Amino acid sequence: MPEKLNDTERDAARYRWLKSRDLDTIRSGGVFAGLTPENVVLNGDDLDRRIDAEMSKAS
């Protein structure tokens, strides 16, 4: 990751990377976002929707 990114840009780049993870990551190992107890890997728009839903519950 380029060193010239500010904290917000770095966080955005990390999230874009996480959001683009393949659904098979849970089987092949590595970092991914998941939903428990269902043990489902989330990515793309599904991940956005789940995060938005959880954030709205917290506010």
Protein backbone atom coordinates (compact mmCIF):
# COMPACT_ATOMS: atom_id res chain seq x y z
CA MET A 1 0.00 0.00 0.00
CA PRO A 2 1.49 3.40 -0.93
CA GLU A 3 2.83 5.32 2.05
CA LYS A 4 1.39 8.64 0.86
CA LEU A 5 -2.19 7.67 1.69
CA ASN A 6 -3.82 9.39 4.64
CA ASP A 7 -5.70 7.33 7.24
CA THR A 8 -9.06 7.66 5.50
CA GLU A 9 -7.65 6.66 2.12
CA ARG A 10 -5.84 3.71 3.68
CA ASP A 11 -9.03 2.55 5.41
CA ALA A 12 -10.95 2.89 2.13
CA ALA A 13 -8.30 0.87 0.27
CA ARG A 14 -8.43 -1.84 2.93
CA TYR A 15 -12.20 -2.02 2.75
CA ARG A 16 -12.20 -2.19 -1.06
CA TRP A 17 -9.72 -5.09 -0.83
CA LEU A 18 -11.81 -6.89 1.80
CA LYS A 19 -15.02 -6.25 -0.14
CA SER A 20 -13.53 -7.83 -3.27
CA ARG A 21 -12.46 -11.09 -1.58
CA ASP A 22 -13.60 -14.26 -3.31
CA LEU A 23 -16.39 -16.22 -1.62
CA ASP A 24 -14.15 -19.32 -1.57
CA THR A 25 -11.66 -17.56 0.72
CA ILE A 26 -13.16 -19.33 3.73
CA ARG A 27 -12.07 -22.68 2.24
CA SER A 28 -8.72 -21.57 0.86
CA GLY A 29 -7.64 -19.50 3.86
CA GLY A 30 -6.88 -15.85 4.28
CA VAL A 31 -8.69 -12.73 5.42
CA PHE A 32 -12.40 -12.35 4.73
CA ALA A 33 -15.58 -10.83 6.17
CA GLY A 34 -18.14 -13.29 7.42
CA LEU A 35 -21.51 -13.65 9.04
CA THR A 36 -21.89 -15.89 12.06
CA PRO A 37 -23.35 -18.21 13.19
CA GLU A 38 -24.25 -18.95 9.56
CA ASN A 39 -20.56 -19.15 8.56
CA VAL A 40 -21.16 -17.26 5.33
CA VAL A 41 -18.49 -15.19 3.60
CA LEU A 42 -19.74 -11.75 2.61
CA ASN A 43 -18.36 -9.57 -0.18
CA GLY A 44 -19.45 -6.94 -2.68
CA ASP A 45 -22.83 -5.30 -2.23
CA ASP A 46 -23.89 -8.00 0.26
CA LEU A 47 -21.10 -6.91 2.59
CA ASP A 48 -22.09 -3.25 2.21
CA ARG A 49 -25.73 -4.02 3.04
CA ARG A 50 -24.84 -6.07 6.14
CA ILE A 51 -22.46 -3.41 7.43
CA ASP A 52 -25.05 -0.67 6.84
CA ALA A 53 -27.70 -2.72 8.64
CA GLU A 54 -25.46 -3.39 11.65
CA MET A 55 -24.34 0.25 11.80
CA SER A 56 -27.97 1.45 11.75
CA LYS A 57 -28.78 -0.87 14.68
CA ALA A 58 -25.92 0.66 16.67
CA SER A 59 -27.12 4.25 16.25
